[in-house]
Amino acid sequence: MASHKEYLDYILEQLSSTEGVTFRPMMGEYILYYKGRIFGGIYDDRFLVKPVTAAKRLLPDAPLETPYEGAKDMLLVEETDNRELLAELLEASYPELPEPKKKRK
């Protein structure tokens, strides 16, 4: 099942106080970036983030879910209405997120 653009728009609105959030559509889903680094995505209308240490600390009860078959588990963000938590989540997770891969020439 593909994600709905309306859900993406809702999540982007919730993250709007944090500058540097962008997205890219990918096969009916959406990859989310913060300052150029992938931090999560919208998969089947679920907001999932990478399970870095800071995210696990801020979302201690978040279940691990698979975004799609064959992918690594990610944390399900259930408190999508808590803008302060979401902003803190991005800021705290950023240093632990992998840098983008260099493009081949």
PDB file of N, CA and C in Angstrom:
ATOM      1  N   MET A   1       0.837  -1.183   0.000  1.00  0.00           N
ATOM      2  CA  MET A   1       0.000   0.000   0.000  1.00  0.00           C
ATOM      3  C   MET A   1       0.882   1.247   0.000  1.00  0.00           C
ATOM      4  N   ALA A   2       0.658   2.142  -0.886  1.00  0.00           N
ATOM      5  CA  ALA A   2       1.417   3.385  -0.955  1.00  0.00           C
ATOM      6  C   ALA A   2       0.891   4.384   0.079  1.00  0.00           C
ATOM      7  N   SER A   3       1.756   5.294   0.486  1.00  0.00           N
ATOM      8  CA  SER A   3       1.366   6.329   1.433  1.00  0.00           C
ATOM      9  C   SER A   3       0.614   7.440   0.720  1.00  0.00           C
ATOM     10  N   HIS A   4      -0.242   8.106   1.471  1.00  0.00           N
ATOM     11  CA  HIS A   4      -1.020   9.220   0.931  1.00  0.00           C
ATOM     12  C   HIS A   4      -0.235  10.523   1.087  1.00  0.00           C
ATOM     13  N   LYS A   5      -0.299  11.362   0.078  1.00  0.00           N
ATOM     14  CA  LYS A   5       0.380  12.665   0.104  1.00  0.00           C
ATOM     15  C   LYS A   5      -0.129  13.505   1.269  1.00  0.00           C
ATOM     16  N   GLU A   6      -1.395  13.347   1.641  1.00  0.00           N
ATOM     17  CA  GLU A   6      -1.969  14.110   2.748  1.00  0.00           C
ATOM     18  C   GLU A   6      -1.254  13.778   4.071  1.00  0.00           C
ATOM     19  N   TYR A   7      -0.883  12.501   4.257  1.00  0.00           N
ATOM     20  CA  TYR A   7      -0.176  12.134   5.486  1.00  0.00           C
ATOM     21  C   TYR A   7       1.220  12.743   5.481  1.00  0.00           C
ATOM     22  N   LEU A   8       1.896  12.702   4.342  1.00  0.00           N
ATOM     23  CA  LEU A   8       3.199  13.358   4.220  1.00  0.00           C
ATOM     24  C   LEU A   8       3.061  14.839   4.566  1.00  0.00           C
ATOM     25  N   ASP A   9       2.067  15.498   3.996  1.00  0.00           N
ATOM     26  CA  ASP A   9       1.864  16.923   4.255  1.00  0.00           C
ATOM     27  C   ASP A   9       1.656  17.190   5.741  1.00  0.00           C
ATOM     28  N   TYR A  10       0.907  16.320   6.412  1.00  0.00           N
ATOM     29  CA  TYR A  10       0.670  16.464   7.848  1.00  0.00           C
ATOM     30  C   TYR A  10       1.988  16.360   8.620  1.00  0.00           C
ATOM     31  N   ILE A  11       2.797  15.350   8.320  1.00  0.00           N
ATOM     32  CA  ILE A  11       4.074  15.173   9.013  1.00  0.00           C
ATOM     33  C   ILE A  11       4.998  16.356   8.727  1.00  0.00           C
ATOM     34  N   LEU A  12       5.055  16.813   7.487  1.00  0.00           N
ATOM     35  CA  LEU A  12       5.893  17.968   7.162  1.00  0.00           C
ATOM     36  C   LEU A  12       5.430  19.211   7.914  1.00  0.00           C
ATOM     37  N   GLU A  13       4.134  19.376   8.081  1.00  0.00           N
ATOM     38  CA  GLU A  13       3.600  20.504   8.853  1.00  0.00           C
ATOM     39  C   GLU A  13       4.038  20.380  10.317  1.00  0.00           C
ATOM     40  N   GLN A  14       3.994  19.175  10.860  1.00  0.00           N
ATOM     41  CA  GLN A  14       4.406  18.959  12.249  1.00  0.00           C
ATOM     42  C   GLN A  14       5.908  19.234  12.436  1.00  0.00           C
ATOM     43  N   LEU A  15       6.677  19.049  11.384  1.00  0.00           N
ATOM     44  CA  LEU A  15       8.130  19.273  11.427  1.00  0.00           C
ATOM     45  C   LEU A  15       8.521  20.670  10.958  1.00  0.00           C
ATOM     46  N   SER A  16       7.547  21.512  10.638  1.00  0.00           N
ATOM     47  CA  SER A  16       7.823  22.795   9.986  1.00  0.00           C
ATOM     48  C   SER A  16       8.618  23.777  10.845  1.00  0.00           C
ATOM     49  N   SER A  17       8.657  23.599  12.151  1.00  0.00           N
ATOM     50  CA  SER A  17       9.440  24.508  12.992  1.00  0.00           C
ATOM     51  C   SER A  17      10.936  24.214  12.897  1.00  0.00           C
ATOM     52  N   THR A  18      11.295  23.094  12.301  1.00  0.00           N
ATOM     53  CA  THR A  18      12.692  22.693  12.156  1.00  0.00           C
ATOM     54  C   THR A  18      13.106  22.879  10.699  1.00  0.00           C
ATOM     55  N   GLU A  19      14.000  23.838  10.472  1.00  0.00           N
ATOM     56  CA  GLU A  19      14.453  24.086   9.103  1.00  0.00           C
ATOM     57  C   GLU A  19      15.387  22.983   8.641  1.00  0.00           C
ATOM     58  N   GLY A  20      15.332  22.693   7.349  1.00  0.00           N
ATOM     59  CA  GLY A  20      16.234  21.701   6.779  1.00  0.00           C
ATOM     60  C   GLY A  20      15.594  20.358   6.519  1.00  0.00           C
ATOM     61  N   VAL A  21      14.259  20.260   6.696  1.00  0.00           N
ATOM     62  CA  VAL A  21      13.561  18.999   6.437  1.00  0.00           C
ATOM     63  C   VAL A  21      13.113  18.990   4.974  1.00  0.00           C
ATOM     64  N   THR A  22      13.486  17.950   4.258  1.00  0.00           N
ATOM     65  CA  THR A  22      13.074  17.780   2.867  1.00  0.00           C
ATOM     66  C   THR A  22      12.622  16.332   2.684  1.00  0.00           C
ATOM     67  N   PHE A  23      12.069  16.057   1.513  1.00  0.00           N
ATOM     68  CA  PHE A  23      11.626  14.690   1.232  1.00  0.00           C
ATOM     69  C   PHE A  23      11.868  14.363  -0.227  1.00  0.00           C
ATOM     70  N   ARG A  24      11.817  13.069  -0.501  1.00  0.00           N
ATOM     71  CA  ARG A  24      11.916  12.587  -1.878  1.00  0.00           C
ATOM     72  C   ARG A  24      10.959  11.413  -2.026  1.00  0.00           C
ATOM     73  N   PRO A  25      10.084  11.464  -3.032  1.00  0.00           N
ATOM     74  CA  PRO A  25       9.210  10.312  -3.259  1.00  0.00           C
ATOM     75  C   PRO A  25      10.011   9.121  -3.767  1.00  0.00           C
ATOM     76  N   MET A  26       9.640   7.933  -3.292  1.00  0.00           N
ATOM     77  CA  MET A  26      10.342   6.728  -3.709  1.00  0.00           C
ATOM     78  C   MET A  26       9.347   5.572  -3.730  1.00  0.00           C
ATOM     79  N   MET A  27       8.940   5.167  -4.917  1.00  0.00           N
ATOM     80  CA  MET A  27       8.088   3.995  -5.114  1.00  0.00           C
ATOM     81  C   MET A  27       6.819   4.021  -4.239  1.00  0.00           C
ATOM     82  N   GLY A  28       6.127   5.141  -4.226  1.00  0.00           N
ATOM     83  CA  GLY A  28       4.875   5.256  -3.489  1.00  0.00           C
ATOM     84  C   GLY A  28       5.039   5.621  -2.031  1.00  0.00           C
ATOM     85  N   GLU A  29       6.266   5.754  -1.586  1.00  0.00           N
ATOM     86  CA  GLU A  29       6.549   6.139  -0.205  1.00  0.00           C
ATOM     87  C   GLU A  29       7.383   7.415  -0.243  1.00  0.00           C
ATOM     88  N   TYR A  30       7.812   7.905   0.928  1.00  0.00           N
ATOM     89  CA  TYR A  30       8.559   9.156   0.988  1.00  0.00           C
ATOM     90  C   TYR A  30       9.749   9.015   1.927  1.00  0.00           C
ATOM     91  N   ILE A  31      10.927   9.336   1.429  1.00  0.00           N
ATOM     92  CA  ILE A  31      12.137   9.346   2.234  1.00  0.00           C
ATOM     93  C   ILE A  31      12.266  10.753   2.814  1.00  0.00           C
ATOM     94  N   LEU A  32      12.533  10.852   4.112  1.00  0.00           N
ATOM     95  CA  LEU A  32      12.653  12.145   4.779  1.00  0.00           C
ATOM     96  C   LEU A  32      14.110  12.435   5.118  1.00  0.00           C
ATOM     97  N   TYR A  33      14.525  13.666   4.873  1.00  0.00           N
ATOM     98  CA  TYR A  33      15.891  14.109   5.103  1.00  0.00           C
ATOM     99  C   TYR A  33      15.893  15.278   6.085  1.00  0.00           C
ATOM    100  N   TYR A  34      16.956  15.347   6.875  1.00  0.00           N
ATOM    101  CA  TYR A  34      17.184  16.512   7.728  1.00  0.00           C
ATOM    102  C   TYR A  34      18.607  16.973   7.469  1.00  0.00           C
ATOM    103  N   LYS A  35      18.722  18.187   6.962  1.00  0.00           N
ATOM    104  CA  LYS A  35      20.029  18.759   6.603  1.00  0.00           C
ATOM    105  C   LYS A  35      20.813  17.812   5.695  1.00  0.00           C
ATOM    106  N   GLY A  36      20.101  17.185   4.761  1.00  0.00           N
ATOM    107  CA  GLY A  36      20.727  16.331   3.768  1.00  0.00           C
ATOM    108  C   GLY A  36      20.947  14.884   4.175  1.00  0.00           C
ATOM    109  N   ARG A  37      20.630  14.536   5.415  1.00  0.00           N
ATOM    110  CA  ARG A  37      20.817  13.166   5.888  1.00  0.00           C
ATOM    111  C   ARG A  37      19.461  12.484   6.054  1.00  0.00           C
ATOM    112  N   ILE A  38      19.380  11.234   5.649  1.00  0.00           N
ATOM    113  CA  ILE A  38      18.133  10.482   5.799  1.00  0.00           C
ATOM    114  C   ILE A  38      17.905  10.195   7.275  1.00  0.00           C
ATOM    115  N   PHE A  39      16.728  10.616   7.779  1.00  0.00           N
ATOM    116  CA  PHE A  39      16.409  10.318   9.171  1.00  0.00           C
ATOM    117  C   PHE A  39      15.217   9.387   9.294  1.00  0.00           C
ATOM    118  N   GLY A  40      14.452   9.226   8.229  1.00  0.00           N
ATOM    119  CA  GLY A  40      13.280   8.359   8.309  1.00  0.00           C
ATOM    120  C   GLY A  40      12.471   8.420   7.032  1.00  0.00           C
ATOM    121  N   GLY A  41      11.192   8.109   7.174  1.00  0.00           N
ATOM    122  CA  GLY A  41      10.331   8.127   6.008  1.00  0.00           C
ATOM    123  C   GLY A  41       8.887   7.868   6.367  1.00  0.00           C
ATOM    124  N   ILE A  42       8.066   8.004   5.352  1.00  0.00           N
ATOM    125  CA  ILE A  42       6.643   7.694   5.456  1.00  0.00           C
ATOM    126  C   ILE A  42       6.443   6.407   4.670  1.00  0.00           C
ATOM    127  N   TYR A  43       6.033   5.366   5.361  1.00  0.00           N
ATOM    128  CA  TYR A  43       5.834   4.040   4.762  1.00  0.00           C
ATOM    129  C   TYR A  43       4.456   3.536   5.162  1.00  0.00           C
ATOM    130  N   ASP A  44       3.591   3.282   4.198  1.00  0.00           N
ATOM    131  CA  ASP A  44       2.231   2.814   4.478  1.00  0.00           C
ATOM    132  C   ASP A  44       1.545   3.726   5.497  1.00  0.00           C
ATOM    133  N   ASP A  45       1.696   5.027   5.296  1.00  0.00           N
ATOM    134  CA  ASP A  45       1.119   6.037   6.192  1.00  0.00           C
ATOM    135  C   ASP A  45       1.559   5.852   7.639  1.00  0.00           C
ATOM    136  N   ARG A  46       2.813   5.446   7.810  1.00  0.00           N
ATOM    137  CA  ARG A  46       3.441   5.375   9.132  1.00  0.00           C
ATOM    138  C   ARG A  46       4.700   6.232   9.086  1.00  0.00           C
ATOM    139  N   PHE A  47       4.928   7.014  10.127  1.00  0.00           N
ATOM    140  CA  PHE A  47       6.124   7.834  10.240  1.00  0.00           C
ATOM    141  C   PHE A  47       7.164   7.015  10.992  1.00  0.00           C
ATOM    142  N   LEU A  48       8.201   6.584  10.282  1.00  0.00           N
ATOM    143  CA  LEU A  48       9.253   5.754  10.851  1.00  0.00           C
ATOM    144  C   LEU A  48      10.576   6.508  10.810  1.00  0.00           C
ATOM    145  N   VAL A  49      11.385   6.330  11.876  1.00  0.00           N
ATOM    146  CA  VAL A  49      12.697   6.978  11.929  1.00  0.00           C
ATOM    147  C   VAL A  49      13.769   5.937  12.214  1.00  0.00           C
ATOM    148  N   LYS A  50      15.002   6.292  11.840  1.00  0.00           N
ATOM    149  CA  LYS A  50      16.128   5.390  12.083  1.00  0.00           C
ATOM    150  C   LYS A  50      16.295   5.191  13.589  1.00  0.00           C
ATOM    151  N   PRO A  51      16.598   3.973  14.007  1.00  0.00           N
ATOM    152  CA  PRO A  51      16.705   3.683  15.441  1.00  0.00           C
ATOM    153  C   PRO A  51      18.080   4.018  16.024  1.00  0.00           C
ATOM    154  N   VAL A  52      18.508   5.269  15.875  1.00  0.00           N
ATOM    155  CA  VAL A  52      19.774   5.696  16.462  1.00  0.00           C
ATOM    156  C   VAL A  52      19.580   5.852  17.970  1.00  0.00           C
ATOM    157  N   THR A  53      20.669   5.934  18.702  1.00  0.00           N
ATOM    158  CA  THR A  53      20.609   5.987  20.163  1.00  0.00           C
ATOM    159  C   THR A  53      19.725   7.124  20.671  1.00  0.00           C
ATOM    160  N   ALA A  54      19.864   8.308  20.093  1.00  0.00           N
ATOM    161  CA  ALA A  54      19.063   9.457  20.545  1.00  0.00           C
ATOM    162  C   ALA A  54      17.575   9.214  20.321  1.00  0.00           C
ATOM    163  N   ALA A  55      17.226   8.619  19.205  1.00  0.00           N
ATOM    164  CA  ALA A  55      15.809   8.339  18.917  1.00  0.00           C
ATOM    165  C   ALA A  55      15.259   7.312  19.900  1.00  0.00           C
ATOM    166  N   LYS A  56      16.051   6.305  20.223  1.00  0.00           N
ATOM    167  CA  LYS A  56      15.609   5.298  21.193  1.00  0.00           C
ATOM    168  C   LYS A  56      15.420   5.917  22.582  1.00  0.00           C
ATOM    169  N   ARG A  57      16.269   6.879  22.917  1.00  0.00           N
ATOM    170  CA  ARG A  57      16.162   7.557  24.209  1.00  0.00           C
ATOM    171  C   ARG A  57      14.901   8.417  24.269  1.00  0.00           C
ATOM    172  N   LEU A  58      14.607   9.131  23.185  1.00  0.00           N
ATOM    173  CA  LEU A  58      13.453  10.023  23.159  1.00  0.00           C
ATOM    174  C   LEU A  58      12.135   9.288  22.929  1.00  0.00           C
ATOM    175  N   LEU A  59      12.206   8.115  22.322  1.00  0.00           N
ATOM    176  CA  LEU A  59      11.009   7.315  22.034  1.00  0.00           C
ATOM    177  C   LEU A  59      11.185   5.924  22.665  1.00  0.00           C
ATOM    178  N   PRO A  60      11.301   5.856  23.988  1.00  0.00           N
ATOM    179  CA  PRO A  60      11.643   4.578  24.629  1.00  0.00           C
ATOM    180  C   PRO A  60      10.615   3.468  24.432  1.00  0.00           C
ATOM    181  N   ASP A  61       9.372   3.824  24.207  1.00  0.00           N
ATOM    182  CA  ASP A  61       8.322   2.814  24.048  1.00  0.00           C
ATOM    183  C   ASP A  61       7.914   2.588  22.596  1.00  0.00           C
ATOM    184  N   ALA A  62       8.636   3.221  21.677  1.00  0.00           N
ATOM    185  CA  ALA A  62       8.281   3.102  20.259  1.00  0.00           C
ATOM    186  C   ALA A  62       8.543   1.690  19.754  1.00  0.00           C
ATOM    187  N   PRO A  63       7.553   1.104  19.097  1.00  0.00           N
ATOM    188  CA  PRO A  63       7.777  -0.234  18.537  1.00  0.00           C
ATOM    189  C   PRO A  63       8.680  -0.170  17.311  1.00  0.00           C
ATOM    190  N   LEU A  64       9.433  -1.245  17.104  1.00  0.00           N
ATOM    191  CA  LEU A  64      10.226  -1.386  15.887  1.00  0.00           C
ATOM    192  C   LEU A  64       9.336  -1.979  14.808  1.00  0.00           C
ATOM    193  N   GLU A  65       9.359  -1.374  13.644  1.00  0.00           N
ATOM    194  CA  GLU A  65       8.557  -1.864  12.528  1.00  0.00           C
ATOM    195  C   GLU A  65       9.410  -1.873  11.266  1.00  0.00           C
ATOM    196  N   THR A  66       9.068  -2.761  10.363  1.00  0.00           N
ATOM    197  CA  THR A  66       9.769  -2.863   9.084  1.00  0.00           C
ATOM    198  C   THR A  66       9.069  -1.971   8.063  1.00  0.00           C
ATOM    199  N   PRO A  67       9.807  -1.055   7.443  1.00  0.00           N
ATOM    200  CA  PRO A  67       9.177  -0.172   6.463  1.00  0.00           C
ATOM    201  C   PRO A  67       8.679  -0.917   5.219  1.00  0.00           C
ATOM    202  N   TYR A  68       9.436  -1.919   4.793  1.00  0.00           N
ATOM    203  CA  TYR A  68       9.068  -2.742   3.637  1.00  0.00           C
ATOM    204  C   TYR A  68       9.865  -4.033   3.739  1.00  0.00           C
ATOM    205  N   GLU A  69       9.442  -5.024   3.029  1.00  0.00           N
ATOM    206  CA  GLU A  69      10.082  -6.342   3.109  1.00  0.00           C
ATOM    207  C   GLU A  69      11.564  -6.257   2.779  1.00  0.00           C
ATOM    208  N   GLY A  70      12.373  -6.827   3.650  1.00  0.00           N
ATOM    209  CA  GLY A  70      13.811  -6.858   3.435  1.00  0.00           C
ATOM    210  C   GLY A  70      14.563  -5.675   4.017  1.00  0.00           C
ATOM    211  N   ALA A  71      13.851  -4.692   4.562  1.00  0.00           N
ATOM    212  CA  ALA A  71      14.501  -3.508   5.129  1.00  0.00           C
ATOM    213  C   ALA A  71      14.790  -3.704   6.608  1.00  0.00           C
ATOM    214  N   LYS A  72      15.692  -2.888   7.132  1.00  0.00           N
ATOM    215  CA  LYS A  72      15.985  -2.903   8.558  1.00  0.00           C
ATOM    216  C   LYS A  72      14.828  -2.259   9.317  1.00  0.00           C
ATOM    217  N   ASP A  73      14.614  -2.717  10.543  1.00  0.00           N
ATOM    218  CA  ASP A  73      13.558  -2.156  11.371  1.00  0.00           C
ATOM    219  C   ASP A  73      13.834  -0.692  11.693  1.00  0.00           C
ATOM    220  N   MET A  74      12.734   0.046  11.867  1.00  0.00           N
ATOM    221  CA  MET A  74      12.801   1.450  12.230  1.00  0.00           C
ATOM    222  C   MET A  74      11.818   1.683  13.374  1.00  0.00           C
ATOM    223  N   LEU A  75      11.967   2.826  14.038  1.00  0.00           N
ATOM    224  CA  LEU A  75      11.075   3.173  15.142  1.00  0.00           C
ATOM    225  C   LEU A  75       9.814   3.841  14.612  1.00  0.00           C
ATOM    226  N   LEU A  76       8.664   3.402  15.101  1.00  0.00           N
ATOM    227  CA  LEU A  76       7.392   4.019  14.734  1.00  0.00           C
ATOM    228  C   LEU A  76       7.164   5.225  15.635  1.00  0.00           C
ATOM    229  N   VAL A  77       6.986   6.392  15.038  1.00  0.00           N
ATOM    230  CA  VAL A  77       6.698   7.607  15.792  1.00  0.00           C
ATOM    231  C   VAL A  77       5.183   7.693  15.943  1.00  0.00           C
ATOM    232  N   GLU A  78       4.731   7.538  17.186  1.00  0.00           N
ATOM    233  CA  GLU A  78       3.296   7.558  17.446  1.00  0.00           C
ATOM    234  C   GLU A  78       2.814   8.927  17.915  1.00  0.00           C
ATOM    235  N   GLU A  79       3.694   9.723  18.502  1.00  0.00           N
ATOM    236  CA  GLU A  79       3.323  11.039  19.011  1.00  0.00           C
ATOM    237  C   GLU A  79       3.525  12.111  17.938  1.00  0.00           C
ATOM    238  N   THR A  80       2.857  11.952  16.822  1.00  0.00           N
ATOM    239  CA  THR A  80       3.062  12.879  15.704  1.00  0.00           C
ATOM    240  C   THR A  80       2.473  14.261  15.958  1.00  0.00           C
ATOM    241  N   ASP A  81       1.653  14.403  16.984  1.00  0.00           N
ATOM    242  CA  ASP A  81       1.074  15.710  17.281  1.00  0.00           C
ATOM    243  C   ASP A  81       1.955  16.538  18.216  1.00  0.00           C
ATOM    244  N   ASN A  82       3.055  15.971  18.707  1.00  0.00           N
ATOM    245  CA  ASN A  82       3.953  16.647  19.639  1.00  0.00           C
ATOM    246  C   ASN A  82       5.104  17.282  18.866  1.00  0.00           C
ATOM    247  N   ARG A  83       4.901  18.512  18.414  1.00  0.00           N
ATOM    248  CA  ARG A  83       5.905  19.201  17.590  1.00  0.00           C
ATOM    249  C   ARG A  83       7.234  19.395  18.305  1.00  0.00           C
ATOM    250  N   GLU A  84       7.181  19.685  19.605  1.00  0.00           N
ATOM    251  CA  GLU A  84       8.413  19.894  20.365  1.00  0.00           C
ATOM    252  C   GLU A  84       9.245  18.606  20.402  1.00  0.00           C
ATOM    253  N   LEU A  85       8.591  17.497  20.637  1.00  0.00           N
ATOM    254  CA  LEU A  85       9.287  16.208  20.653  1.00  0.00           C
ATOM    255  C   LEU A  85       9.893  15.907  19.284  1.00  0.00           C
ATOM    256  N   LEU A  86       9.146  16.169  18.221  1.00  0.00           N
ATOM    257  CA  LEU A  86       9.650  15.889  16.877  1.00  0.00           C
ATOM    258  C   LEU A  86      10.873  16.747  16.552  1.00  0.00           C
ATOM    259  N   ALA A  87      10.835  18.017  16.951  1.00  0.00           N
ATOM    260  CA  ALA A  87      11.982  18.901  16.717  1.00  0.00           C
ATOM    261  C   ALA A  87      13.194  18.408  17.508  1.00  0.00           C
ATOM    262  N   GLU A  88      12.974  18.028  18.759  1.00  0.00           N
ATOM    263  CA  GLU A  88      14.061  17.514  19.593  1.00  0.00           C
ATOM    264  C   GLU A  88      14.609  16.210  19.008  1.00  0.00           C
ATOM    265  N   LEU A  89      13.726  15.374  18.497  1.00  0.00           N
ATOM    266  CA  LEU A  89      14.121  14.113  17.887  1.00  0.00           C
ATOM    267  C   LEU A  89      15.078  14.340  16.715  1.00  0.00           C
ATOM    268  N   LEU A  90      14.744  15.287  15.850  1.00  0.00           N
ATOM    269  CA  LEU A  90      15.609  15.561  14.696  1.00  0.00           C
ATOM    270  C   LEU A  90      16.962  16.111  15.134  1.00  0.00           C
ATOM    271  N   GLU A  91      16.939  17.098  16.022  1.00  0.00           N
ATOM    272  CA  GLU A  91      18.188  17.725  16.468  1.00  0.00           C
ATOM    273  C   GLU A  91      19.096  16.720  17.178  1.00  0.00           C
ATOM    274  N   ALA A  92      18.519  15.904  18.048  1.00  0.00           N
ATOM    275  CA  ALA A  92      19.315  14.948  18.816  1.00  0.00           C
ATOM    276  C   ALA A  92      19.843  13.809  17.937  1.00  0.00           C
ATOM    277  N   SER A  93      19.063  13.403  16.958  1.00  0.00           N
ATOM    278  CA  SER A  93      19.455  12.281  16.096  1.00  0.00           C
ATOM    279  C   SER A  93      20.477  12.669  15.035  1.00  0.00           C
ATOM    280  N   TYR A  94      20.472  13.914  14.616  1.00  0.00           N
ATOM    281  CA  TYR A  94      21.287  14.353  13.486  1.00  0.00           C
ATOM    282  C   TYR A  94      22.751  13.910  13.557  1.00  0.00           C
ATOM    283  N   PRO A  95      23.452  14.107  14.685  1.00  0.00           N
ATOM    284  CA  PRO A  95      24.871  13.713  14.705  1.00  0.00           C
ATOM    285  C   PRO A  95      25.097  12.215  14.477  1.00  0.00           C
ATOM    286  N   GLU A  96      24.096  11.403  14.754  1.00  0.00           N
ATOM    287  CA  GLU A  96      24.243   9.952  14.605  1.00  0.00           C
ATOM    288  C   GLU A  96      23.832   9.440  13.219  1.00  0.00           C
ATOM    289  N   LEU A  97      23.230  10.291  12.433  1.00  0.00           N
ATOM    290  CA  LEU A  97      22.769   9.870  11.106  1.00  0.00           C
ATOM    291  C   LEU A  97      23.937   9.797  10.133  1.00  0.00           C
ATOM    292  N   PRO A  98      23.954   8.786   9.276  1.00  0.00           N
ATOM    293  CA  PRO A  98      25.059   8.681   8.317  1.00  0.00           C
ATOM    294  C   PRO A  98      25.040   9.828   7.305  1.00  0.00           C
ATOM    295  N   GLU A  99      26.229  10.250   6.936  1.00  0.00           N
ATOM    296  CA  GLU A  99      26.337  11.293   5.914  1.00  0.00           C
ATOM    297  C   GLU A  99      25.937  10.705   4.573  1.00  0.00           C
ATOM    298  N   PRO A 100      25.449  11.560   3.669  1.00  0.00           N
ATOM    299  CA  PRO A 100      25.056  11.050   2.346  1.00  0.00           C
ATOM    300  C   PRO A 100      26.254  10.458   1.622  1.00  0.00           C
ATOM    301  N   LYS A 101      25.963   9.421   0.843  1.00  0.00           N
ATOM    302  CA  LYS A 101      27.024   8.797   0.060  1.00  0.00           C
ATOM    303  C   LYS A 101      27.434   9.745  -1.068  1.00  0.00           C
ATOM    304  N   LYS A 102      28.720   9.726  -1.353  1.00  0.00           N
ATOM    305  CA  LYS A 102      29.244  10.567  -2.449  1.00  0.00           C
ATOM    306  C   LYS A 102      28.751  10.004  -3.776  1.00  0.00           C
ATOM    307  N   LYS A 103      28.358  10.919  -4.658  1.00  0.00           N
ATOM    308  CA  LYS A 103      27.898  10.498  -5.982  1.00  0.00           C
ATOM    309  C   LYS A 103      29.087  10.119  -6.840  1.00  0.00           C
ATOM    310  N   ARG A 104      28.901   9.064  -7.621  1.00  0.00           N
ATOM    311  CA  ARG A 104      29.961   8.639  -8.537  1.00  0.00           C
ATOM    312  C   ARG A 104      30.047   9.581  -9.715  1.00  0.00           C
ATOM    313  N   LYS A 105      31.251   9.742 -10.187  1.00  0.00           N
ATOM    314  CA  LYS A 105      31.444  10.638 -11.344  1.00  0.00           C
ATOM    315  C   LYS A 105      31.384   9.859 -12.625  1.00  0.00           C
TER     316      LYS A 105
END
